[in-house]
Protein backbone atom coordinates (compact mmCIF):
# COMPACT_ATOMS: atom_id res chain seq x y z
CA PRO A 1 -63.65 73.73 -89.72
CA GLY A 2 -60.87 74.74 -87.87
CA TYR A 3 -60.43 71.29 -85.79
CA ASP A 4 -60.37 67.73 -87.08
CA ILE A 5 -62.17 65.88 -84.24
CA ILE A 6 -61.22 62.91 -85.28
CA ALA A 7 -57.41 63.32 -85.36
CA GLY A 8 -57.40 64.59 -81.93
CA ILE A 9 -59.23 61.57 -80.46
CA LYS A 10 -56.79 59.22 -82.31
CA ARG A 11 -54.01 61.30 -80.77
CA GLY A 12 -55.51 60.23 -77.39
CA ALA A 13 -56.35 56.66 -77.95
CA LYS A 14 -54.57 55.33 -75.44
CA LEU A 15 -56.82 56.91 -72.89
CA LEU A 16 -60.32 55.37 -74.69
CA LYS A 17 -61.93 52.10 -74.66
CA ASP A 18 -63.47 52.76 -78.44
CA PHE A 19 -63.85 55.56 -80.51
CA GLY A 20 -65.30 56.43 -84.11
CA GLY A 21 -66.31 59.20 -86.57
CA HIS A 22 -64.44 62.04 -88.91
CA GLN A 23 -63.12 64.93 -88.93
CA TYR A 24 -66.47 67.04 -88.20
CA ALA A 25 -68.43 64.48 -85.76
CA ALA A 26 -66.84 61.80 -83.48
CA GLY A 27 -67.74 59.45 -80.52
CA PHE A 28 -65.85 57.86 -77.98
CA THR A 29 -65.91 55.28 -75.18
CA VAL A 30 -63.98 56.39 -71.83
CA ALA A 31 -63.50 54.48 -68.46
CA ASN A 32 -64.26 56.66 -65.42
CA GLY A 33 -61.15 56.49 -64.35
CA ASN A 34 -59.88 58.22 -67.48
CA TYR A 35 -62.63 60.85 -67.92
CA LYS A 36 -60.86 63.78 -66.35
CA LYS A 37 -57.68 62.96 -68.60
CA VAL A 38 -59.56 62.56 -71.71
CA ILE A 39 -60.87 65.92 -71.27
CA ALA A 40 -57.57 67.27 -70.47
CA HIS A 41 -55.98 65.65 -73.61
CA LEU A 42 -58.94 67.27 -75.71
CA LYS A 43 -58.22 70.84 -74.35
CA ARG A 44 -54.73 70.52 -74.99
CA ASP A 45 -55.33 69.30 -78.63
CA VAL A 46 -57.57 71.57 -79.54
CA ALA A 47 -55.14 74.44 -78.15
CA ALA A 48 -52.49 73.10 -80.26
CA HIS A 49 -54.08 72.05 -83.63
CA MET A 50 -56.95 74.46 -83.93
CA LYS A 51 -56.49 76.29 -87.32
CA PRO A 52 -57.58 79.87 -87.50
CA VAL A 53 -61.15 79.98 -89.34
CA ALA A 54 -61.28 82.40 -92.45
CA GLU A 55 -63.18 85.54 -91.62
CA THR A 56 -63.98 86.16 -95.47
CA LEU A 57 -67.42 85.05 -96.70
CA LEU A 58 -67.04 83.73 -100.21
CA ILE A 59 -70.12 84.91 -102.34
CA ASP A 60 -71.28 83.07 -105.04
CA ALA A 61 -73.28 85.83 -106.81
CA ALA A 62 -74.25 89.19 -106.60
CA LEU A 63 -77.88 89.14 -107.69
CA THR A 64 -79.83 91.96 -109.40
CA GLU A 65 -83.83 92.52 -108.64
CA ARG A 66 -84.78 90.60 -111.70
CA GLU A 67 -82.37 87.60 -110.78
CA LEU A 68 -84.04 87.31 -107.20
CA THR A 69 -86.96 85.32 -107.69
CA PRO A 70 -89.05 82.17 -106.19
CA ARG A 71 -87.88 80.26 -109.34
CA LEU A 72 -84.13 80.78 -107.98
CA PHE A 73 -84.86 79.44 -104.92
CA GLU A 74 -86.78 76.30 -106.48
CA ASP A 75 -83.60 75.77 -108.44
CA VAL A 76 -81.38 76.01 -105.73
CA MET A 77 -83.41 73.54 -103.62
CA LYS A 78 -82.99 70.89 -106.43
CA LEU A 79 -79.12 70.76 -106.02
CA ALA A 80 -80.26 69.42 -102.26
CA PRO A 81 -79.12 67.99 -100.25
CA PHE A 82 -76.64 70.39 -98.56
CA GLY A 83 -73.56 69.95 -96.33
CA ASP A 84 -69.94 70.57 -95.92
CA ALA A 85 -69.27 68.99 -99.16
CA ASN A 86 -72.33 70.88 -100.80
CA PRO A 87 -72.92 74.26 -99.13
CA LEU A 88 -75.92 76.05 -99.99
CA PRO A 89 -74.61 79.05 -102.23
CA LEU A 90 -74.25 82.75 -100.42
CA PHE A 91 -75.52 85.25 -102.76
CA LEU A 92 -75.42 89.18 -102.19
CA LEU A 93 -78.14 92.27 -102.46
CA THR A 94 -76.99 95.31 -102.55
CA ASP A 95 -79.20 98.48 -101.81
CA VAL A 96 -81.88 97.07 -100.30
CA PRO A 97 -84.67 98.93 -98.25
CA LEU A 98 -85.09 97.31 -94.84
CA VAL A 99 -88.75 97.76 -94.52
CA SER A 100 -88.94 96.30 -90.97
CA ARG A 101 -86.93 94.47 -88.25
CA ARG A 102 -87.95 92.57 -85.02
CA LEU A 103 -86.44 89.86 -82.39
CA VAL A 104 -88.05 86.66 -82.53
CA GLY A 105 -87.42 83.21 -80.43
CA SER A 106 -88.39 82.16 -77.29
CA LYS A 107 -85.02 84.28 -76.14
CA ALA A 108 -86.00 86.96 -78.92
CA ASN A 109 -81.87 86.13 -79.83
CA HIS A 110 -82.82 86.19 -83.49
CA LEU A 111 -83.13 88.87 -85.50
CA GLN A 112 -86.39 88.89 -88.46
CA CYS A 113 -86.23 91.55 -91.28
CA GLN A 114 -88.31 91.98 -94.00
CA PHE A 115 -86.81 93.91 -97.14
CA PHE A 116 -88.30 95.29 -100.22
CA PHE A 117 -86.26 94.09 -103.74
CA GLY A 118 -87.32 93.57 -106.89
CA ALA A 119 -90.91 94.82 -106.83
CA ARG A 120 -91.81 92.31 -103.61
CA HIS A 121 -91.27 91.79 -100.17
CA TRP A 122 -88.57 89.29 -98.78
CA GLN A 123 -88.47 87.89 -95.38
CA GLY A 124 -85.14 87.51 -93.96
CA ILE A 125 -84.06 86.10 -90.49
CA ALA A 126 -80.77 86.31 -89.16
CA PHE A 127 -80.22 83.36 -86.28
CA ARG A 128 -78.40 84.05 -82.90
CA CYS A 129 -78.30 87.83 -84.07
CA GLY A 130 -80.91 89.29 -81.80
CA ASP A 131 -78.21 91.61 -79.98
CA ARG A 132 -77.60 93.44 -83.53
CA TYR A 133 -80.99 94.52 -83.57
CA HIS A 134 -79.60 98.31 -83.06
CA ALA A 135 -77.05 97.95 -85.80
CA VAL A 136 -79.76 98.48 -88.44
CA LYS A 137 -82.59 100.42 -88.52
CA GLU A 138 -85.95 100.61 -90.41
CA GLY A 139 -85.92 102.65 -93.59
CA GLN A 140 -82.19 101.96 -94.07
CA TRP A 141 -80.61 100.64 -97.08
CA VAL A 142 -78.60 97.82 -96.47
CA ASP A 143 -76.55 95.12 -98.22
CA VAL A 144 -77.40 91.60 -97.51
CA VAL A 145 -75.43 88.23 -97.77
CA PHE A 146 -77.50 85.48 -97.50
CA GLU A 147 -78.50 81.60 -97.86
CA PRO A 148 -81.85 80.65 -99.81
CA LEU A 149 -84.57 79.04 -97.44
CA VAL A 150 -87.74 77.59 -98.51
CA ASN A 151 -89.82 77.29 -95.58
CA GLU A 152 -93.08 75.17 -95.73
CA TRP A 153 -95.51 75.77 -93.26
CA ARG A 154 -99.24 74.48 -93.50
CA GLY A 155 -98.92 73.35 -96.77
CA GLU A 156 -97.66 77.04 -98.07
CA LYS A 157 -94.04 77.55 -99.36
CA ARG A 158 -92.42 80.60 -98.81
CA CYS A 159 -88.98 81.91 -99.95
CA GLU A 160 -86.93 83.22 -97.27
CA LEU A 161 -83.58 84.89 -96.90
CA ARG A 162 -81.31 83.05 -94.36
CA ILE A 163 -79.42 86.38 -93.24
CA ILE A 164 -75.35 85.33 -93.11
CA ASP A 165 -74.25 89.19 -92.89
CA MET A 166 -75.96 92.75 -93.58
CA ARG A 167 -74.60 96.37 -93.09
CA PRO A 168 -75.80 99.56 -93.85
CA THR A 169 -75.07 100.46 -97.56
CA THR A 170 -72.07 102.75 -97.61
CA LYS A 171 -68.52 102.75 -98.88
CA MET A 172 -67.73 100.48 -95.47
CA SER A 173 -64.55 98.32 -96.41
CA ASN A 174 -65.17 94.48 -96.17
CA ASP A 175 -64.17 94.10 -92.54
CA GLN A 176 -66.72 96.30 -90.96
CA CYS A 177 -69.69 93.74 -91.78
CA LEU A 178 -72.54 94.23 -88.55
CA ILE A 179 -73.88 90.97 -88.09
CA SER A 180 -72.06 87.74 -88.48
CA ASN A 181 -73.12 83.87 -88.11
CA GLN A 182 -70.20 82.62 -89.86
């Protein structure tokens, strides 16, 4: 989001044999003799044209216990396909008991959590946030920002939370969030 890759490649077009793409993804062909020049150009171009990426999460809705249902997840999935032009909505849950947490993944770099909200247990996963394991504890009440996920495995569908941010429920200011994938 902070850098238009195709614009950067176009600014160095004289070093390339061919190129194509759009602002988020691109490819190019370069002669071996220009390889180091292209790398140097792209490094300079990124330094000169990278725009700051907003640190603020834009939450689409804060959900109550009655609103967080499997039906909500099914309805959201009807809006697919998701991507830059059609992002998944971000939802907020406040004052949610954290029932359990554990590290998962081959490198133990993902934080899997279980919450109790709306008279049911909800599974959540914070990708690449294993280093934040000690930032939250079982039995603690937390605020969670998430994208809805519907996982299907062996024919069974499960609604899960893709955790984007999470913090203990307190009077913290918005810039004190503990876990962030953005």
